């Protein structure tokens, strides 16, 4: 095992940032800490780095207690959201800074530093920009310099705090694919913080989902997405329709009358089918109120004739054209892979 977080608690005054958090981060994996703002994920990252001290609990690196170690002795590389580059230094100087700052006994010679820096710059595809200053770089290039600088000191652990948060959507998408490729090349144990669900699902080997200072679930991306343990995990990972519901004589009733709704009904937009005809006995008659195109798919907003709150469905264009060309006054929706969460905190699958 690589990093052990054992019953860690951290408070800031009356606010509990982390409460009895226990996680094992496997050696060589890229682990995502995912959760809404204020859920504790950045606090945990800072405790791992040594920038914060836990009030209780233990942090171990490779089986060795790390809580008493200084930041320097932890051999951790840290990449910040806003790059934290030295503005007066060139790209080369920024990347080499950590190596030059080492004590003389462990400091590489000039040629070794030069070779290591250019190897990293080639890896992050910036070797032609070694002499540029940070203000001559794009946001994505600055973040790659920051990552190269963190890797230059050959850390055992790489920590990234929302590394793509300051970038626009297209650059973020490109860089997270690049980060996944780079990690597969170097295999350093890495932990990154994000509140972007798509980012965590695409990049991570394992995801730790936080909520209000506690761990809700840990698992591989596919596991936590397909088998959420709690309503919070289901609703946080991707788009979801959530209803209060009841089942009456085998028929699903969404948003039933007062006192009758004792179930939480979850269904993702892509698991809703729309038809101009009643293809299934239990299909629910509904009315389309709006739609919008999302590339190759169409997001459709509907309401049931029973008056439930709006439902969002995500269907492909071919299905949308079939429904639209039929020009029905009402349509019928059916559900695939829906889940029901009961009052006794148990999940059940529901299919119409």
Protein backbone atom coordinates (compact mmCIF):
# COMPACT_ATOMS: atom_id res chain seq x y z
CA UNK A 1 0.00 0.00 0.00
CA UNK A 2 1.11 3.60 -0.55
CA UNK A 3 -0.79 6.23 1.47
CA UNK A 4 -2.91 5.39 4.51
CA UNK A 5 -5.29 7.93 5.98
CA UNK A 6 -6.42 6.53 9.32
CA UNK A 7 -9.37 8.17 11.15
CA UNK A 8 -8.23 11.70 10.37
CA UNK A 9 -10.24 14.57 11.85
CA UNK A 10 -9.62 18.28 11.25
CA UNK A 11 -11.55 21.24 12.64
CA UNK A 12 -11.28 24.96 12.01
CA UNK A 13 -12.92 26.52 15.03
CA UNK A 14 -16.47 25.20 15.18
CA UNK A 15 -16.34 23.93 11.57
CA UNK A 16 -15.46 20.26 11.05
CA UNK A 17 -13.63 19.96 7.74
CA UNK A 18 -12.87 16.23 8.10
CA UNK A 19 -14.43 13.70 10.44
CA UNK A 20 -12.89 10.25 10.98
CA UNK A 21 -11.72 9.91 7.39
CA UNK A 22 -10.01 6.62 6.51
CA UNK A 23 -8.67 5.93 3.01
CA UNK A 24 -6.01 3.70 1.49
CA UNK A 25 -4.48 5.06 -1.72
CA UNK A 26 -2.71 2.34 -3.67
CA UNK A 27 0.84 2.75 -4.89
CA UNK A 28 1.11 3.86 -8.52
CA UNK A 29 -2.56 4.80 -8.86
CA UNK A 30 -4.16 8.11 -9.76
CA UNK A 31 -6.82 8.76 -7.13
CA UNK A 32 -9.42 11.51 -7.43
CA UNK A 33 -10.88 13.27 -4.39
CA UNK A 34 -14.31 14.39 -5.55
CA UNK A 35 -16.98 16.41 -3.82
CA UNK A 36 -18.72 19.77 -3.62
CA UNK A 37 -16.98 22.89 -2.32
CA UNK A 38 -16.35 22.69 1.42
CA UNK A 39 -16.58 18.90 1.58
CA UNK A 40 -13.02 18.46 2.92
CA UNK A 41 -11.09 17.20 -0.09
CA UNK A 42 -8.56 20.06 -0.30
CA UNK A 43 -8.06 19.96 3.47
CA UNK A 44 -7.12 16.29 3.20
CA UNK A 45 -4.72 17.02 0.34
CA UNK A 46 -3.01 19.70 2.42
CA UNK A 47 -2.71 17.30 5.38
CA UNK A 48 -1.05 14.72 3.12
CA UNK A 49 1.37 17.40 1.90
CA UNK A 50 2.15 18.60 5.43
CA UNK A 51 0.64 22.06 4.83
CA UNK A 52 -1.97 21.34 7.54
CA UNK A 53 -1.85 19.16 10.65
CA UNK A 54 -4.67 16.78 11.54
CA UNK A 55 -6.29 17.20 14.95
CA UNK A 56 -6.40 13.43 15.33
CA UNK A 57 -5.72 10.31 13.31
CA UNK A 58 -2.66 9.23 11.37
CA UNK A 59 -1.12 9.62 7.92
CA UNK A 60 1.31 6.93 6.75
CA UNK A 61 3.43 6.79 3.61
CA UNK A 62 4.46 3.28 2.60
CA UNK A 63 3.72 2.05 6.11
CA UNK A 64 5.77 4.78 7.82
CA UNK A 65 4.20 7.48 10.03
CA UNK A 66 4.33 10.80 8.16
CA UNK A 67 2.57 13.14 10.57
CA UNK A 68 5.79 14.24 12.27
CA UNK A 69 7.70 14.80 9.01
CA UNK A 70 8.37 18.26 7.59
CA UNK A 71 7.11 19.22 4.14
CA UNK A 72 10.62 18.80 2.69
CA UNK A 73 11.07 15.33 4.17
CA UNK A 74 7.78 13.99 2.81
CA UNK A 75 9.10 13.98 -0.77
CA UNK A 76 5.80 15.24 -2.15
CA UNK A 77 5.25 17.23 -5.35
CA UNK A 78 2.38 19.74 -5.26
CA UNK A 79 0.59 21.32 -8.25
CA UNK A 80 -1.66 24.27 -7.39
CA UNK A 81 -4.76 25.43 -9.25
CA UNK A 82 -3.27 28.83 -10.10
CA UNK A 83 0.16 27.51 -11.17
CA UNK A 84 2.24 29.45 -8.56
CA UNK A 85 5.04 29.96 -11.10
CA UNK A 86 7.83 32.44 -10.45
CA UNK A 87 6.99 35.28 -12.82
CA UNK A 88 10.57 36.56 -13.16
CA UNK A 89 11.96 33.09 -14.01
CA UNK A 90 11.98 31.35 -17.38
CA UNK A 91 10.26 28.03 -17.93
CA UNK A 92 13.62 26.27 -17.52
CA UNK A 93 14.36 28.12 -14.28
CA UNK A 94 10.93 27.38 -12.86
CA UNK A 95 11.27 23.66 -13.53
CA UNK A 96 14.84 23.51 -12.21
CA UNK A 97 14.15 25.55 -9.07
CA UNK A 98 13.49 22.61 -6.74
CA UNK A 99 16.65 20.83 -7.88
CA UNK A 100 18.85 23.91 -7.42
CA UNK A 101 17.36 24.54 -3.97
CA UNK A 102 18.45 21.14 -2.66
CA UNK A 103 21.25 20.93 -0.06
CA UNK A 104 24.67 20.72 -1.70
CA UNK A 105 25.09 17.06 -0.72
CA UNK A 106 22.03 15.95 -2.70
CA UNK A 107 22.01 18.60 -5.42
CA UNK A 108 22.66 17.31 -8.98
CA UNK A 109 25.38 19.04 -10.98
CA UNK A 110 24.51 21.57 -13.71
CA UNK A 111 24.57 19.04 -16.53
CA UNK A 112 22.37 16.60 -14.62
CA UNK A 113 19.87 19.37 -13.85
CA UNK A 114 19.83 20.47 -17.49
CA UNK A 115 19.27 16.90 -18.74
CA UNK A 116 16.47 16.25 -16.23
CA UNK A 117 14.69 19.54 -16.95
CA UNK A 118 14.77 19.09 -20.72
CA UNK A 119 13.59 15.50 -20.38
CA UNK A 120 10.58 16.75 -18.42
CA UNK A 121 9.94 19.63 -20.81
CA UNK A 122 9.94 17.17 -23.68
CA UNK A 123 7.52 14.99 -21.76
CA UNK A 124 5.12 17.92 -21.29
CA UNK A 125 5.72 19.09 -24.88
CA UNK A 126 7.31 22.42 -23.96
CA UNK A 127 11.00 21.91 -24.77
CA UNK A 128 10.88 24.71 -27.40
CA UNK A 129 9.62 27.18 -24.76
CA UNK A 130 12.38 26.71 -22.18
CA UNK A 131 13.45 30.38 -22.33
CA UNK A 132 10.00 31.94 -22.18
CA UNK A 133 8.60 33.72 -19.15
CA UNK A 134 5.25 32.62 -17.64
CA UNK A 135 3.42 35.68 -19.03
CA UNK A 136 4.29 34.45 -22.53
CA UNK A 137 2.45 31.16 -22.01
CA UNK A 138 -1.18 30.11 -22.24
CA UNK A 139 -3.01 28.82 -19.18
CA UNK A 140 -2.63 25.22 -20.30
CA UNK A 141 1.10 25.68 -20.90
CA UNK A 142 1.56 27.24 -17.47
CA UNK A 143 -0.13 24.27 -15.85
CA UNK A 144 2.18 21.87 -17.68
CA UNK A 145 5.18 23.85 -16.46
CA UNK A 146 3.83 23.60 -12.91
CA UNK A 147 3.48 19.85 -13.30
CA UNK A 148 7.00 19.48 -14.72
CA UNK A 149 8.36 21.51 -11.79
CA UNK A 150 6.59 19.22 -9.31
CA UNK A 151 8.01 16.13 -11.05
CA UNK A 152 11.55 17.47 -11.32
CA UNK A 153 12.39 16.59 -7.72
CA UNK A 154 11.26 13.00 -8.35
CA UNK A 155 8.55 12.91 -5.68
CA UNK A 156 7.19 9.66 -4.33
CA UNK A 157 3.76 11.27 -4.22
CA UNK A 158 2.24 13.85 -6.57
CA UNK A 159 -0.61 16.03 -5.28
CA UNK A 160 -2.77 18.19 -7.54
CA UNK A 161 -5.30 20.71 -6.19
CA UNK A 162 -7.95 21.30 -8.86
CA UNK A 163 -5.16 21.54 -11.46
CA UNK A 164 -7.47 22.48 -14.33
CA UNK A 165 -9.94 24.66 -12.44
CA UNK A 166 -8.65 27.95 -13.89
CA UNK A 167 -8.80 26.78 -17.52
CA UNK A 168 -11.56 26.94 -20.10
CA UNK A 169 -13.59 23.84 -20.91
CA UNK A 170 -11.77 22.81 -24.11
CA UNK A 171 -8.30 23.17 -22.60
CA UNK A 172 -9.41 21.29 -19.47
CA UNK A 173 -10.59 18.39 -21.60
CA UNK A 174 -7.31 18.24 -23.51
CA UNK A 175 -5.16 18.47 -20.36
CA UNK A 176 -6.97 15.79 -18.39
CA UNK A 177 -6.45 13.33 -21.26
CA UNK A 178 -2.80 14.40 -21.31
CA UNK A 179 -2.53 13.95 -17.51
CA UNK A 180 -3.90 10.43 -17.77
CA UNK A 181 -1.38 9.59 -20.50
CA UNK A 182 1.49 11.16 -18.53
CA UNK A 183 0.56 9.28 -15.36
CA UNK A 184 0.56 5.99 -17.25
CA UNK A 185 4.10 6.82 -18.38
CA UNK A 186 5.61 7.73 -14.99
CA UNK A 187 3.34 5.76 -12.57
CA UNK A 188 3.94 8.04 -9.59
CA UNK A 189 1.35 7.69 -6.84
CA UNK A 190 -0.94 10.67 -7.47
CA UNK A 191 -3.87 12.30 -5.70
CA UNK A 192 -5.88 15.10 -7.28
CA UNK A 193 -8.77 17.21 -6.05
CA UNK A 194 -11.69 18.13 -8.27
CA UNK A 195 -15.36 19.03 -8.04
CA UNK A 196 -15.85 18.11 -11.71
CA UNK A 197 -17.54 14.72 -11.89
CA UNK A 198 -16.69 14.12 -15.55
CA UNK A 199 -13.04 14.93 -14.86
CA UNK A 200 -12.85 12.47 -11.98
CA UNK A 201 -14.57 9.71 -13.94
CA UNK A 202 -12.31 10.14 -16.96
CA UNK A 203 -8.94 10.49 -15.24
CA UNK A 204 -9.04 8.44 -12.02
CA UNK A 205 -8.13 4.86 -11.25
CA UNK A 206 -10.08 5.25 -8.01
CA UNK A 207 -12.47 7.94 -6.76
CA UNK A 208 -13.09 9.03 -3.17
CA UNK A 209 -16.39 10.92 -2.87
CA UNK A 210 -16.65 13.44 -0.04
CA UNK A 211 -19.69 15.07 1.52
CA UNK A 212 -19.60 17.39 4.54
CA UNK A 213 -16.22 16.14 5.75
CA UNK A 214 -17.05 12.45 5.44
CA UNK A 215 -16.28 9.80 2.85
CA UNK A 216 -19.48 8.67 1.10
CA UNK A 217 -17.95 6.04 -1.17
CA UNK A 218 -14.63 4.80 -2.55
CA UNK A 219 -14.24 2.78 -5.74
CA UNK A 220 -13.33 2.62 -9.41
CA UNK A 221 -15.15 5.14 -11.64
CA UNK A 222 -17.47 2.52 -13.12
CA UNK A 223 -18.25 1.08 -9.69
CA UNK A 224 -19.25 4.35 -8.02
CA UNK A 225 -21.25 5.47 -11.07
CA UNK A 226 -23.17 2.24 -11.60
CA UNK A 227 -23.46 1.16 -7.96
CA UNK A 228 -23.82 4.26 -5.77
CA UNK A 229 -24.14 3.46 -2.09
CA UNK A 230 -26.11 6.56 -1.12
CA UNK A 231 -28.54 9.03 -2.71
CA UNK A 232 -25.86 11.72 -2.47
CA UNK A 233 -23.42 9.71 -4.61
CA UNK A 234 -26.10 8.97 -7.20
CA UNK A 235 -27.21 12.58 -7.48
CA UNK A 236 -23.68 14.02 -7.43
CA UNK A 237 -22.25 11.81 -10.19
CA UNK A 238 -23.76 13.07 -13.41
CA UNK A 239 -27.20 14.37 -14.28
CA UNK A 240 -30.12 12.70 -12.54
CA UNK A 241 -33.87 13.06 -12.15
CA UNK A 242 -34.96 12.70 -8.53
CA UNK A 243 -38.55 12.24 -7.42
CA UNK A 244 -40.51 11.36 -4.35
CA UNK A 245 -42.44 8.28 -5.43
CA UNK A 246 -44.66 5.39 -4.42
CA UNK A 247 -45.67 2.14 -6.05
CA UNK A 248 -49.42 1.57 -6.15
CA UNK A 249 -50.68 -1.84 -7.36
CA UNK A 250 -47.47 -2.36 -9.28
CA UNK A 251 -47.62 1.07 -10.93
CA UNK A 252 -45.06 3.76 -10.26
CA UNK A 253 -46.52 7.06 -9.06
CA UNK A 254 -44.16 10.03 -9.19
CA UNK A 255 -44.70 12.82 -6.65
CA UNK A 256 -47.70 11.18 -5.06
CA UNK A 257 -50.03 12.92 -2.61
CA UNK A 258 -48.98 14.18 0.77
CA UNK A 259 -47.98 11.43 3.15
CA UNK A 260 -47.98 8.80 0.41
CA UNK A 261 -44.47 9.27 -1.01
CA UNK A 262 -42.02 7.11 0.89
CA UNK A 263 -39.47 6.32 -1.84
CA UNK A 264 -36.74 8.27 -3.61
CA UNK A 265 -36.76 7.48 -7.32
CA UNK A 266 -33.56 8.15 -9.29
CA UNK A 267 -33.25 7.97 -13.07
CA UNK A 268 -30.52 9.36 -15.31
CA UNK A 269 -31.61 11.23 -18.46
CA UNK A 270 -29.93 8.73 -20.79
CA UNK A 271 -31.92 5.90 -19.20
CA UNK A 272 -35.27 7.38 -20.25
CA UNK A 273 -36.85 6.37 -23.56
CA UNK A 274 -39.50 8.39 -25.36
CA UNK A 275 -42.05 6.99 -27.81
CA UNK A 276 -45.04 8.50 -29.61
CA UNK A 277 -46.92 5.26 -28.91
CA UNK A 278 -47.38 3.17 -25.77
CA UNK A 279 -44.79 0.47 -26.32
CA UNK A 280 -44.89 -0.85 -22.75
CA UNK A 281 -47.83 -1.45 -20.46
CA UNK A 282 -46.30 0.59 -17.63
CA UNK A 283 -45.06 3.46 -19.78
CA UNK A 284 -46.08 6.85 -18.39
CA UNK A 285 -48.00 9.29 -20.57
CA UNK A 286 -46.27 12.66 -20.68
CA UNK A 287 -46.11 15.95 -22.54
CA UNK A 288 -43.00 17.52 -24.11
CA UNK A 289 -42.49 21.11 -22.94
CA UNK A 290 -39.01 21.90 -24.31
CA UNK A 291 -35.96 20.44 -26.04
CA UNK A 292 -32.40 21.45 -26.89
CA UNK A 293 -29.69 19.93 -29.04
CA UNK A 294 -26.47 18.68 -27.40
CA UNK A 295 -24.33 17.68 -30.34
CA UNK A 296 -25.43 14.23 -31.44
CA UNK A 297 -28.09 13.98 -28.71
CA UNK A 298 -31.22 15.87 -27.69
CA UNK A 299 -32.17 16.86 -24.13
CA UNK A 300 -35.96 16.73 -23.81
CA UNK A 301 -37.96 18.21 -20.93
CA UNK A 302 -41.29 16.58 -20.15
CA UNK A 303 -44.03 16.60 -17.53
CA UNK A 304 -46.30 13.67 -16.74
CA UNK A 305 -50.06 14.10 -17.02
CA UNK A 306 -50.18 13.44 -13.27
CA UNK A 307 -48.47 16.79 -12.74
CA UNK A 308 -45.08 15.61 -11.46
CA UNK A 309 -42.13 17.96 -11.65
CA UNK A 310 -40.28 18.22 -14.99
CA UNK A 311 -38.36 15.18 -16.23
CA UNK A 312 -35.22 15.44 -18.37
CA UNK A 313 -34.54 12.75 -20.97
CA UNK A 314 -31.46 12.44 -23.15
CA UNK A 315 -32.08 10.63 -26.46
CA UNK A 316 -30.20 10.36 -29.74
CA UNK A 317 -31.23 12.41 -32.78
CA UNK A 318 -32.68 9.44 -34.63
CA UNK A 319 -35.10 8.75 -31.78
CA UNK A 320 -35.94 12.43 -31.48
CA UNK A 321 -36.73 12.66 -35.20
CA UNK A 322 -38.97 9.59 -34.93
CA UNK A 323 -40.90 11.18 -32.05
CA UNK A 324 -41.05 14.65 -33.61
CA UNK A 325 -42.20 13.44 -37.03
CA UNK A 326 -45.09 11.52 -35.44
CA UNK A 327 -46.40 14.87 -34.09
CA UNK A 328 -48.13 13.33 -31.07
CA UNK A 329 -50.13 15.41 -28.58
CA UNK A 330 -48.57 13.34 -25.81
CA UNK A 331 -45.72 10.81 -25.64
CA UNK A 332 -44.90 7.82 -23.47
CA UNK A 333 -41.76 7.49 -21.38
CA UNK A 334 -40.23 4.33 -19.98
CA UNK A 335 -37.29 3.84 -17.67
CA UNK A 336 -34.16 1.69 -17.88
CA UNK A 337 -31.82 1.06 -14.93
CA UNK A 338 -33.71 3.32 -12.54
CA UNK A 339 -33.10 2.97 -8.82
CA UNK A 340 -35.37 3.33 -5.83
CA UNK A 341 -34.02 4.28 -2.42
CA UNK A 342 -36.40 3.27 0.36
CA UNK A 343 -36.91 4.67 3.84
CA UNK A 344 -34.85 1.81 5.30
CA UNK A 345 -31.85 3.05 3.27
CA UNK A 346 -31.81 0.23 0.73
CA UNK A 347 -31.44 0.41 -3.02
CA UNK A 348 -33.72 -1.48 -5.41
CA UNK A 349 -33.67 -1.59 -9.19
CA UNK A 350 -36.80 -0.56 -11.04
CA UNK A 351 -37.51 -1.11 -14.73
CA UNK A 352 -40.58 -0.28 -16.78
